Amino acid sequence: AGTLDEWGSRVAERAGADPLVKTPGAFAHTTL
Protein backbone atom coordinates (compact mmCIF):
# COMPACT_ATOMS: atom_id res chain seq x y z
CA ALA A 1 0.00 0.00 0.00
CA GLY A 2 1.39 3.38 -0.96
CA THR A 3 0.58 6.68 -2.60
CA LEU A 4 1.33 7.53 -6.22
CA ASP A 5 4.37 9.51 -5.05
CA GLU A 6 5.67 6.57 -3.02
CA TRP A 7 5.18 4.25 -5.98
CA GLY A 8 7.03 6.75 -8.17
CA SER A 9 9.93 6.82 -5.72
CA ARG A 10 10.06 3.03 -5.88
CA VAL A 11 10.20 3.17 -9.69
CA ALA A 12 12.97 5.80 -9.45
CA GLU A 13 15.11 3.30 -7.56
CA ARG A 14 15.37 1.31 -10.80
CA ALA A 15 14.78 3.99 -13.43
CA GLY A 16 16.64 6.91 -11.87
CA ALA A 17 15.46 10.40 -10.96
CA ASP A 18 13.82 12.60 -13.56
CA PRO A 19 16.35 15.29 -14.61
CA LEU A 20 13.62 17.59 -15.94
CA VAL A 21 10.80 17.28 -13.40
CA LYS A 22 11.44 17.68 -9.68
CA THR A 23 7.95 17.01 -8.33
CA PRO A 24 7.55 14.29 -5.66
CA GLY A 25 7.52 10.79 -7.08
CA ALA A 26 8.98 11.81 -10.45
CA PHE A 27 11.25 9.34 -12.23
CA ALA A 28 13.12 9.21 -15.53
CA HIS A 29 10.79 7.77 -18.12
CA THR A 30 9.68 7.58 -21.72
CA THR A 31 6.00 8.00 -22.60
CA LEU A 32 4.12 5.56 -24.79
PDB file of all heavy atoms in Angstrom:
ATOM      1  N   ALA A   1       0.854  -1.184   0.000  1.00  0.00           N
ATOM      2  CA  ALA A   1       0.000   0.000   0.000  1.00  0.00           C
ATOM      3  C   ALA A   1       0.889   1.232   0.000  1.00  0.00           C
ATOM      4  O   ALA A   1       1.855   1.316   0.766  1.00  0.00           O
ATOM      5  CB  ALA A   1      -0.919   0.006   1.211  1.00  0.00           C
ATOM      6  N   GLY A   2       0.591   2.164  -0.881  1.00  0.00           N
ATOM      7  CA  GLY A   2       1.388   3.380  -0.959  1.00  0.00           C
ATOM      8  C   GLY A   2       0.743   4.374  -1.904  1.00  0.00           C
ATOM      9  O   GLY A   2      -0.071   4.012  -2.761  1.00  0.00           O
ATOM     10  N   THR A   3       1.117   5.637  -1.748  1.00  0.00           N
ATOM     11  CA  THR A   3       0.578   6.683  -2.605  1.00  0.00           C
ATOM     12  C   THR A   3       1.266   6.648  -3.972  1.00  0.00           C
ATOM     13  O   THR A   3       2.264   5.950  -4.176  1.00  0.00           O
ATOM     14  CB  THR A   3       0.790   8.058  -1.970  1.00  0.00           C
ATOM     15  OG1 THR A   3       2.203   8.315  -1.899  1.00  0.00           O
ATOM     16  CG2 THR A   3       0.186   8.106  -0.573  1.00  0.00           C
ATOM     17  N   LEU A   4       0.727   7.435  -4.892  1.00  0.00           N
ATOM     18  CA  LEU A   4       1.326   7.531  -6.219  1.00  0.00           C
ATOM     19  C   LEU A   4       2.761   8.032  -6.131  1.00  0.00           C
ATOM     20  O   LEU A   4       3.643   7.555  -6.859  1.00  0.00           O
ATOM     21  CB  LEU A   4       0.483   8.466  -7.091  1.00  0.00           C
ATOM     22  CG  LEU A   4       0.959   8.663  -8.532  1.00  0.00           C
ATOM     23  CD1 LEU A   4       0.931   7.348  -9.306  1.00  0.00           C
ATOM     24  CD2 LEU A   4       0.089   9.708  -9.238  1.00  0.00           C
ATOM     25  N   ASP A   5       3.015   8.994  -5.214  1.00  0.00           N
ATOM     26  CA  ASP A   5       4.372   9.506  -5.051  1.00  0.00           C
ATOM     27  C   ASP A   5       5.313   8.429  -4.516  1.00  0.00           C
ATOM     28  O   ASP A   5       6.469   8.318  -4.961  1.00  0.00           O
ATOM     29  CB  ASP A   5       4.367  10.706  -4.101  1.00  0.00           C
ATOM     30  CG  ASP A   5       3.675  11.918  -4.711  1.00  0.00           C
ATOM     31  OD1 ASP A   5       3.508  11.942  -5.944  1.00  0.00           O
ATOM     32  OD2 ASP A   5       3.297  12.830  -3.945  1.00  0.00           O
ATOM     33  N   GLU A   6       4.831   7.633  -3.578  1.00  0.00           N
ATOM     34  CA  GLU A   6       5.667   6.574  -3.019  1.00  0.00           C
ATOM     35  C   GLU A   6       5.952   5.503  -4.062  1.00  0.00           C
ATOM     36  O   GLU A   6       7.067   4.981  -4.132  1.00  0.00           O
ATOM     37  CB  GLU A   6       4.976   5.966  -1.791  1.00  0.00           C
ATOM     38  CG  GLU A   6       4.918   6.928  -0.616  1.00  0.00           C
ATOM     39  CD  GLU A   6       4.006   6.437   0.492  1.00  0.00           C
ATOM     40  OE1 GLU A   6       3.110   5.606   0.200  1.00  0.00           O
ATOM     41  OE2 GLU A   6       4.179   6.875   1.645  1.00  0.00           O
ATOM     42  N   TRP A   7       4.957   5.191  -4.874  1.00  0.00           N
ATOM     43  CA  TRP A   7       5.185   4.253  -5.985  1.00  0.00           C
ATOM     44  C   TRP A   7       6.205   4.823  -6.962  1.00  0.00           C
ATOM     45  O   TRP A   7       7.111   4.125  -7.431  1.00  0.00           O
ATOM     46  CB  TRP A   7       3.861   3.965  -6.684  1.00  0.00           C
ATOM     47  CG  TRP A   7       3.982   3.204  -7.968  1.00  0.00           C
ATOM     48  CD1 TRP A   7       4.203   1.864  -8.117  1.00  0.00           C
ATOM     49  CD2 TRP A   7       3.883   3.736  -9.299  1.00  0.00           C
ATOM     50  NE1 TRP A   7       4.241   1.517  -9.453  1.00  0.00           N
ATOM     51  CE2 TRP A   7       4.051   2.663 -10.198  1.00  0.00           C
ATOM     52  CE3 TRP A   7       3.677   5.013  -9.815  1.00  0.00           C
ATOM     53  CZ2 TRP A   7       4.013   2.828 -11.587  1.00  0.00           C
ATOM     54  CZ3 TRP A   7       3.629   5.186 -11.191  1.00  0.00           C
ATOM     55  CH2 TRP A   7       3.805   4.095 -12.057  1.00  0.00           C
ATOM     56  N   GLY A   8       6.080   6.118  -7.266  1.00  0.00           N
ATOM     57  CA  GLY A   8       7.035   6.751  -8.169  1.00  0.00           C
ATOM     58  C   GLY A   8       8.450   6.711  -7.630  1.00  0.00           C
ATOM     59  O   GLY A   8       9.407   6.502  -8.381  1.00  0.00           O
ATOM     60  N   SER A   9       8.592   6.903  -6.325  1.00  0.00           N
ATOM     61  CA  SER A   9       9.926   6.824  -5.718  1.00  0.00           C
ATOM     62  C   SER A   9      10.489   5.415  -5.834  1.00  0.00           C
ATOM     63  O   SER A   9      11.702   5.237  -6.038  1.00  0.00           O
ATOM     64  CB  SER A   9       9.857   7.242  -4.249  1.00  0.00           C
ATOM     65  OG  SER A   9       9.428   8.587  -4.131  1.00  0.00           O
ATOM     66  N   ARG A  10       9.629   4.427  -5.725  1.00  0.00           N
ATOM     67  CA  ARG A  10      10.062   3.034  -5.884  1.00  0.00           C
ATOM     68  C   ARG A  10      10.520   2.785  -7.326  1.00  0.00           C
ATOM     69  O   ARG A  10      11.551   2.136  -7.551  1.00  0.00           O
ATOM     70  CB  ARG A  10       8.912   2.105  -5.515  1.00  0.00           C
ATOM     71  CG  ARG A  10       9.145   0.635  -5.803  1.00  0.00           C
ATOM     72  CD  ARG A  10      10.307   0.073  -5.024  1.00  0.00           C
ATOM     73  NE  ARG A  10      10.387  -1.371  -5.182  1.00  0.00           N
ATOM     74  CZ  ARG A  10      11.493  -2.084  -5.026  1.00  0.00           C
ATOM     75  NH1 ARG A  10      12.629  -1.473  -4.708  1.00  0.00           N
ATOM     76  NH2 ARG A  10      11.482  -3.388  -5.169  1.00  0.00           N
ATOM     77  N   VAL A  11       9.790   3.309  -8.291  1.00  0.00           N
ATOM     78  CA  VAL A  11      10.202   3.169  -9.690  1.00  0.00           C
ATOM     79  C   VAL A  11      11.535   3.869  -9.912  1.00  0.00           C
ATOM     80  O   VAL A  11      12.409   3.368 -10.640  1.00  0.00           O
ATOM     81  CB  VAL A  11       9.122   3.736 -10.640  1.00  0.00           C
ATOM     82  CG1 VAL A  11       9.600   3.668 -12.088  1.00  0.00           C
ATOM     83  CG2 VAL A  11       7.809   2.966 -10.491  1.00  0.00           C
ATOM     84  N   ALA A  12      11.727   5.029  -9.280  1.00  0.00           N
ATOM     85  CA  ALA A  12      12.969   5.800  -9.447  1.00  0.00           C
ATOM     86  C   ALA A  12      14.185   5.031  -8.950  1.00  0.00           C
ATOM     87  O   ALA A  12      15.307   5.282  -9.417  1.00  0.00           O
ATOM     88  CB  ALA A  12      12.855   7.140  -8.725  1.00  0.00           C
ATOM     89  N   GLU A  13      13.989   4.114  -8.026  1.00  0.00           N
ATOM     90  CA  GLU A  13      15.114   3.301  -7.564  1.00  0.00           C
ATOM     91  C   GLU A  13      15.708   2.477  -8.699  1.00  0.00           C
ATOM     92  O   GLU A  13      16.911   2.183  -8.692  1.00  0.00           O
ATOM     93  CB  GLU A  13      14.651   2.376  -6.430  1.00  0.00           C
ATOM     94  CG  GLU A  13      14.261   3.097  -5.153  1.00  0.00           C
ATOM     95  CD  GLU A  13      13.731   2.142  -4.093  1.00  0.00           C
ATOM     96  OE1 GLU A  13      13.842   0.897  -4.316  1.00  0.00           O
ATOM     97  OE2 GLU A  13      13.208   2.598  -3.061  1.00  0.00           O
ATOM     98  N   ARG A  14      14.886   2.080  -9.645  1.00  0.00           N
ATOM     99  CA  ARG A  14      15.366   1.313 -10.799  1.00  0.00           C
ATOM    100  C   ARG A  14      15.579   2.180 -12.032  1.00  0.00           C
ATOM    101  O   ARG A  14      16.490   1.932 -12.821  1.00  0.00           O
ATOM    102  CB  ARG A  14      14.364   0.198 -11.128  1.00  0.00           C
ATOM    103  CG  ARG A  14      14.164  -0.821 -10.025  1.00  0.00           C
ATOM    104  CD  ARG A  14      15.440  -1.605  -9.755  1.00  0.00           C
ATOM    105  NE  ARG A  14      15.881  -2.350 -10.905  1.00  0.00           N
ATOM    106  CZ  ARG A  14      15.575  -3.635 -11.128  1.00  0.00           C
ATOM    107  NH1 ARG A  14      14.828  -4.291 -10.255  1.00  0.00           N
ATOM    108  NH2 ARG A  14      16.023  -4.273 -12.201  1.00  0.00           N
ATOM    109  N   ALA A  15      14.731   3.180 -12.206  1.00  0.00           N
ATOM    110  CA  ALA A  15      14.778   3.988 -13.428  1.00  0.00           C
ATOM    111  C   ALA A  15      15.670   5.212 -13.297  1.00  0.00           C
ATOM    112  O   ALA A  15      16.133   5.751 -14.304  1.00  0.00           O
ATOM    113  CB  ALA A  15      13.371   4.424 -13.821  1.00  0.00           C
ATOM    114  N   GLY A  16      15.886   5.689 -12.074  1.00  0.00           N
ATOM    115  CA  GLY A  16      16.639   6.915 -11.870  1.00  0.00           C
ATOM    116  C   GLY A  16      15.717   8.111 -11.723  1.00  0.00           C
ATOM    117  O   GLY A  16      14.541   8.062 -12.114  1.00  0.00           O
ATOM    118  N   ALA A  17      16.246   9.178 -11.164  1.00  0.00           N
ATOM    119  CA  ALA A  17      15.460  10.396 -10.959  1.00  0.00           C
ATOM    120  C   ALA A  17      15.231  11.103 -12.285  1.00  0.00           C
ATOM    121  O   ALA A  17      16.025  10.996 -13.222  1.00  0.00           O
ATOM    122  CB  ALA A  17      16.175  11.326  -9.985  1.00  0.00           C
ATOM    123  N   ASP A  18      14.139  11.841 -12.356  1.00  0.00           N
ATOM    124  CA  ASP A  18      13.817  12.604 -13.560  1.00  0.00           C
ATOM    125  C   ASP A  18      14.650  13.884 -13.570  1.00  0.00           C
ATOM    126  O   ASP A  18      14.530  14.709 -12.661  1.00  0.00           O
ATOM    127  CB  ASP A  18      12.327  12.937 -13.579  1.00  0.00           C
ATOM    128  CG  ASP A  18      11.873  13.446 -14.936  1.00  0.00           C
ATOM    129  OD1 ASP A  18      12.666  14.130 -15.615  1.00  0.00           O
ATOM    130  OD2 ASP A  18      10.728  13.159 -15.328  1.00  0.00           O
ATOM    131  N   PRO A  19      15.504  14.085 -14.592  1.00  0.00           N
ATOM    132  CA  PRO A  19      16.351  15.285 -14.607  1.00  0.00           C
ATOM    133  C   PRO A  19      15.584  16.553 -14.968  1.00  0.00           C
ATOM    134  O   PRO A  19      16.097  17.650 -14.760  1.00  0.00           O
ATOM    135  CB  PRO A  19      17.398  14.956 -15.681  1.00  0.00           C
ATOM    136  CG  PRO A  19      16.699  14.002 -16.598  1.00  0.00           C
ATOM    137  CD  PRO A  19      15.778  13.196 -15.742  1.00  0.00           C
ATOM    138  N   LEU A  20      14.371  16.422 -15.487  1.00  0.00           N
ATOM    139  CA  LEU A  20      13.618  17.591 -15.936  1.00  0.00           C
ATOM    140  C   LEU A  20      12.511  17.992 -14.980  1.00  0.00           C
ATOM    141  O   LEU A  20      12.156  19.158 -14.895  1.00  0.00           O
ATOM    142  CB  LEU A  20      13.013  17.315 -17.319  1.00  0.00           C
ATOM    143  CG  LEU A  20      14.004  16.993 -18.445  1.00  0.00           C
ATOM    144  CD1 LEU A  20      13.254  16.698 -19.732  1.00  0.00           C
ATOM    145  CD2 LEU A  20      14.967  18.149 -18.653  1.00  0.00           C
ATOM    146  N   VAL A  21      11.932  17.017 -14.280  1.00  0.00           N
ATOM    147  CA  VAL A  21      10.795  17.284 -13.395  1.00  0.00           C
ATOM    148  C   VAL A  21      11.206  16.946 -11.969  1.00  0.00           C
ATOM    149  O   VAL A  21      11.691  15.852 -11.700  1.00  0.00           O
ATOM    150  CB  VAL A  21       9.563  16.464 -13.817  1.00  0.00           C
ATOM    151  CG1 VAL A  21       8.387  16.756 -12.883  1.00  0.00           C
ATOM    152  CG2 VAL A  21       9.189  16.768 -15.264  1.00  0.00           C
ATOM    153  N   LYS A  22      10.998  17.876 -11.066  1.00  0.00           N
ATOM    154  CA  LYS A  22      11.440  17.681  -9.684  1.00  0.00           C
ATOM    155  C   LYS A  22      10.276  17.492  -8.714  1.00  0.00           C
ATOM    156  O   LYS A  22      10.461  17.570  -7.512  1.00  0.00           O
ATOM    157  CB  LYS A  22      12.259  18.898  -9.244  1.00  0.00           C
ATOM    158  CG  LYS A  22      13.492  19.143 -10.103  1.00  0.00           C
ATOM    159  CD  LYS A  22      14.433  17.931 -10.140  1.00  0.00           C
ATOM    160  CE  LYS A  22      15.657  18.195 -10.998  1.00  0.00           C
ATOM    161  NZ  LYS A  22      16.537  16.996 -11.068  1.00  0.00           N
ATOM    162  N   THR A  23       9.089  17.218  -9.215  1.00  0.00           N
ATOM    163  CA  THR A  23       7.951  17.010  -8.328  1.00  0.00           C
ATOM    164  C   THR A  23       8.105  15.694  -7.579  1.00  0.00           C
ATOM    165  O   THR A  23       8.823  14.783  -8.032  1.00  0.00           O
ATOM    166  CB  THR A  23       6.647  16.990  -9.136  1.00  0.00           C
ATOM    167  OG1 THR A  23       6.732  15.978 -10.147  1.00  0.00           O
ATOM    168  CG2 THR A  23       6.378  18.330  -9.787  1.00  0.00           C
ATOM    169  N   PRO A  24       7.440  15.541  -6.423  1.00  0.00           N
ATOM    170  CA  PRO A  24       7.548  14.294  -5.660  1.00  0.00           C
ATOM    171  C   PRO A  24       7.101  13.092  -6.493  1.00  0.00           C
ATOM    172  O   PRO A  24       6.111  13.155  -7.222  1.00  0.00           O
ATOM    173  CB  PRO A  24       6.603  14.531  -4.475  1.00  0.00           C
ATOM    174  CG  PRO A  24       6.528  16.004  -4.336  1.00  0.00           C
ATOM    175  CD  PRO A  24       6.629  16.556  -5.720  1.00  0.00           C
ATOM    176  N   GLY A  25       7.859  12.019  -6.379  1.00  0.00           N
ATOM    177  CA  GLY A  25       7.518  10.790  -7.082  1.00  0.00           C
ATOM    178  C   GLY A  25       7.906  10.764  -8.542  1.00  0.00           C
ATOM    179  O   GLY A  25       7.606   9.793  -9.248  1.00  0.00           O
ATOM    180  N   ALA A  26       8.588  11.787  -9.045  1.00  0.00           N
ATOM    181  CA  ALA A  26       8.984  11.812 -10.455  1.00  0.00           C
ATOM    182  C   ALA A  26      10.139  10.843 -10.685  1.00  0.00           C
ATOM    183  O   ALA A  26      10.976  10.623  -9.814  1.00  0.00           O
ATOM    184  CB  ALA A  26       9.397  13.226 -10.856  1.00  0.00           C
ATOM    185  N   PHE A  27      10.166  10.257 -11.867  1.00  0.00           N
ATOM    186  CA  PHE A  27      11.248   9.338 -12.232  1.00  0.00           C
ATOM    187  C   PHE A  27      11.528   9.472 -13.715  1.00  0.00           C
ATOM    188  O   PHE A  27      10.671   9.915 -14.499  1.00  0.00           O
ATOM    189  CB  PHE A  27      10.887   7.888 -11.880  1.00  0.00           C
ATOM    190  CG  PHE A  27       9.565   7.433 -12.429  1.00  0.00           C
ATOM    191  CD1 PHE A  27       9.454   6.876 -13.697  1.00  0.00           C
ATOM    192  CD2 PHE A  27       8.404   7.551 -11.661  1.00  0.00           C
ATOM    193  CE1 PHE A  27       8.236   6.453 -14.199  1.00  0.00           C
ATOM    194  CE2 PHE A  27       7.172   7.127 -12.148  1.00  0.00           C
ATOM    195  CZ  PHE A  27       7.093   6.578 -13.422  1.00  0.00           C
ATOM    196  N   ALA A  28      12.741   9.131 -14.114  1.00  0.00           N
ATOM    197  CA  ALA A  28      13.116   9.208 -15.526  1.00  0.00           C
ATOM    198  C   ALA A  28      12.281   8.206 -16.312  1.00  0.00           C
ATOM    199  O   ALA A  28      12.203   7.032 -15.944  1.00  0.00           O
ATOM    200  CB  ALA A  28      14.602   8.908 -15.690  1.00  0.00           C
ATOM    201  N   HIS A  29      11.670   8.676 -17.393  1.00  0.00           N
ATOM    202  CA  HIS A  29      10.789   7.769 -18.122  1.00  0.00           C
ATOM    203  C   HIS A  29      10.605   8.217 -19.568  1.00  0.00           C
ATOM    204  O   HIS A  29      10.903   9.361 -19.931  1.00  0.00           O
ATOM    205  CB  HIS A  29       9.418   7.690 -17.449  1.00  0.00           C
ATOM    206  CG  HIS A  29       8.634   8.966 -17.545  1.00  0.00           C
ATOM    207  ND1 HIS A  29       8.751   9.982 -16.620  1.00  0.00           N
ATOM    208  CD2 HIS A  29       7.719   9.393 -18.464  1.00  0.00           C
ATOM    209  CE1 HIS A  29       7.943  10.970 -16.955  1.00  0.00           C
ATOM    210  NE2 HIS A  29       7.324  10.648 -18.074  1.00  0.00           N
ATOM    211  N   THR A  30      10.093   7.310 -20.349  1.00  0.00           N
ATOM    212  CA  THR A  30       9.679   7.575 -21.721  1.00  0.00           C
ATOM    213  C   THR A  30       8.193   7.295 -21.821  1.00  0.00           C
ATOM    214  O   THR A  30       7.710   6.274 -21.322  1.00  0.00           O
ATOM    215  CB  THR A  30      10.432   6.673 -22.711  1.00  0.00           C
ATOM    216  OG1 THR A  30      11.834   6.933 -22.617  1.00  0.00           O
ATOM    217  CG2 THR A  30       9.972   6.921 -24.137  1.00  0.00           C
ATOM    218  N   THR A  31       7.437   8.201 -22.450  1.00  0.00           N
ATOM    219  CA  THR A  31       6.000   8.003 -22.601  1.00  0.00           C
ATOM    220  C   THR A  31       5.727   7.018 -23.730  1.00  0.00           C
ATOM    221  O   THR A  31       6.582   6.744 -24.580  1.00  0.00           O
ATOM    222  CB  THR A  31       5.298   9.322 -22.917  1.00  0.00           C
ATOM    223  OG1 THR A  31       5.742   9.786 -24.202  1.00  0.00           O
ATOM    224  CG2 THR A  31       5.599  10.372 -21.856  1.00  0.00           C
ATOM    225  N   LEU A  32       4.510   6.516 -23.747  1.00  0.00           N
ATOM    226  CA  LEU A  32       4.118   5.563 -24.793  1.00  0.00           C
ATOM    227  C   LEU A  32       4.207   6.187 -26.175  1.00  0.00           C
ATOM    228  O   LEU A  32       4.728   5.576 -27.119  1.00  0.00           O
ATOM    229  CB  LEU A  32       2.696   5.062 -24.529  1.00  0.00           C
ATOM    230  CG  LEU A  32       2.096   4.167 -25.624  1.00  0.00           C
ATOM    231  CD1 LEU A  32       2.872   2.869 -25.752  1.00  0.00           C
ATOM    232  CD2 LEU A  32       0.622   3.875 -25.328  1.00  0.00           C
TER     233      LEU A  32
END
